[in-house]
Amino acid sequence: MSKRASARFKCCLKCKALLLSQVSVCPNCKSTEFTFDWSGIAIVFDPENSVIAKTLNITKPGRYAIKCR
């Protein structure tokens, strides 16, 4: 992922949600631990019927990182 795109989003270390860099608390899990070092993106619209969402243990719609470091 390019540095420009990844600098715009940060990854929640607990639920892997991708959030804008100015957000201070994750709306999904209420965590405050984030990283800018992530790769891959999955956008989930319907987590109940999505094979990818089930594989990644995603229960809410949104943008998620495949890998957070």
C-alpha atoms as a PDB file:
ATOM      1  CA  MET A   1       0.000   0.000   0.000  1.00  0.00           C
ATOM      2  CA  SER A   2       1.304   3.440  -0.786  1.00  0.00           C
ATOM      3  CA  LYS A   3       2.476   5.648   2.055  1.00  0.00           C
ATOM      4  CA  ARG A   4      -0.044   8.309   1.063  1.00  0.00           C
ATOM      5  CA  ALA A   5      -3.048   5.981   1.430  1.00  0.00           C
ATOM      6  CA  SER A   6      -1.848   4.304   4.632  1.00  0.00           C
ATOM      7  CA  ALA A   7      -0.990   7.645   6.289  1.00  0.00           C
ATOM      8  CA  ARG A   8      -4.600   8.709   5.841  1.00  0.00           C
ATOM      9  CA  PHE A   9      -5.897   5.710   7.768  1.00  0.00           C
ATOM     10  CA  LYS A  10      -4.775   4.030  10.948  1.00  0.00           C
ATOM     11  CA  CYS A  11      -5.553   0.483  12.004  1.00  0.00           C
ATOM     12  CA  CYS A  12      -7.127  -0.476  15.319  1.00  0.00           C
ATOM     13  CA  LEU A  13      -4.909  -3.153  16.845  1.00  0.00           C
ATOM     14  CA  LYS A  14      -7.838  -4.871  18.549  1.00  0.00           C
ATOM     15  CA  CYS A  15     -10.426  -5.198  15.715  1.00  0.00           C
ATOM     16  CA  LYS A  16      -8.372  -4.184  12.608  1.00  0.00           C
ATOM     17  CA  ALA A  17     -10.852  -1.454  11.630  1.00  0.00           C
ATOM     18  CA  LEU A  18      -9.376   1.244   9.394  1.00  0.00           C
ATOM     19  CA  LEU A  19     -10.096   4.695  10.780  1.00  0.00           C
ATOM     20  CA  LEU A  20      -9.237   8.216   9.729  1.00  0.00           C
ATOM     21  CA  SER A  21      -6.018   9.384  11.347  1.00  0.00           C
ATOM     22  CA  GLN A  22      -7.732  12.024  13.518  1.00  0.00           C
ATOM     23  CA  VAL A  23     -10.035   9.518  15.293  1.00  0.00           C
ATOM     24  CA  SER A  24      -8.936   8.879  18.898  1.00  0.00           C
ATOM     25  CA  VAL A  25     -11.286   6.019  19.924  1.00  0.00           C
ATOM     26  CA  CYS A  26     -12.328   3.089  17.732  1.00  0.00           C
ATOM     27  CA  PRO A  27     -16.112   3.167  17.203  1.00  0.00           C
ATOM     28  CA  ASN A  28     -16.195  -0.651  16.779  1.00  0.00           C
ATOM     29  CA  CYS A  29     -14.423  -1.833  19.925  1.00  0.00           C
ATOM     30  CA  LYS A  30     -13.699   1.390  21.897  1.00  0.00           C
ATOM     31  CA  SER A  31      -9.946   0.697  21.832  1.00  0.00           C
ATOM     32  CA  THR A  32      -7.367   3.497  21.821  1.00  0.00           C
ATOM     33  CA  GLU A  33      -4.451   1.438  20.465  1.00  0.00           C
ATOM     34  CA  PHE A  34      -3.691   2.131  16.801  1.00  0.00           C
ATOM     35  CA  THR A  35      -0.933   1.689  14.239  1.00  0.00           C
ATOM     36  CA  PHE A  36      -0.157   3.281  10.894  1.00  0.00           C
ATOM     37  CA  ASP A  37       1.710   0.124   9.848  1.00  0.00           C
ATOM     38  CA  TRP A  38      -0.922  -1.999   8.084  1.00  0.00           C
ATOM     39  CA  SER A  39      -1.418  -3.671   4.719  1.00  0.00           C
ATOM     40  CA  GLY A  40      -4.321  -4.956   2.637  1.00  0.00           C
ATOM     41  CA  ILE A  41      -7.880  -3.735   2.812  1.00  0.00           C
ATOM     42  CA  ALA A  42     -11.254  -5.470   2.984  1.00  0.00           C
ATOM     43  CA  ILE A  43     -14.452  -3.460   2.694  1.00  0.00           C
ATOM     44  CA  VAL A  44     -17.375  -5.347   4.187  1.00  0.00           C
ATOM     45  CA  PHE A  45     -20.967  -4.357   3.401  1.00  0.00           C
ATOM     46  CA  ASP A  46     -22.862  -7.427   4.650  1.00  0.00           C
ATOM     47  CA  PRO A  47     -20.838  -9.293   7.315  1.00  0.00           C
ATOM     48  CA  GLU A  48     -23.504 -11.958   7.893  1.00  0.00           C
ATOM     49  CA  ASN A  49     -23.328 -13.229   4.290  1.00  0.00           C
ATOM     50  CA  SER A  50     -19.641 -12.512   3.599  1.00  0.00           C
ATOM     51  CA  VAL A  51     -17.134 -15.362   3.536  1.00  0.00           C
ATOM     52  CA  ILE A  52     -14.265 -12.886   3.965  1.00  0.00           C
ATOM     53  CA  ALA A  53     -15.952 -11.300   7.010  1.00  0.00           C
ATOM     54  CA  LYS A  54     -16.360 -14.721   8.602  1.00  0.00           C
ATOM     55  CA  THR A  55     -12.734 -15.604   7.860  1.00  0.00           C
ATOM     56  CA  LEU A  56     -11.515 -12.338   9.429  1.00  0.00           C
ATOM     57  CA  ASN A  57     -14.044 -12.497  12.337  1.00  0.00           C
ATOM     58  CA  ILE A  58     -15.720  -9.234  11.271  1.00  0.00           C
ATOM     59  CA  THR A  59     -19.213  -8.603  12.631  1.00  0.00           C
ATOM     60  CA  LYS A  60     -19.835  -4.968  11.615  1.00  0.00           C
ATOM     61  CA  PRO A  61     -19.770  -3.348   8.147  1.00  0.00           C
ATOM     62  CA  GLY A  62     -16.775  -1.124   7.387  1.00  0.00           C
ATOM     63  CA  ARG A  63     -13.160  -0.930   6.191  1.00  0.00           C
ATOM     64  CA  TYR A  64     -10.711  -3.391   7.709  1.00  0.00           C
ATOM     65  CA  ALA A  65      -6.997  -4.068   7.358  1.00  0.00           C
ATOM     66  CA  ILE A  66      -5.904  -7.559   6.396  1.00  0.00           C
ATOM     67  CA  LYS A  67      -2.692  -7.247   8.416  1.00  0.00           C
ATOM     68  CA  CYS A  68      -1.791  -4.851  11.252  1.00  0.00           C
ATOM     69  CA  ARG A  69       1.780  -4.695  12.502  1.00  0.00           C
END
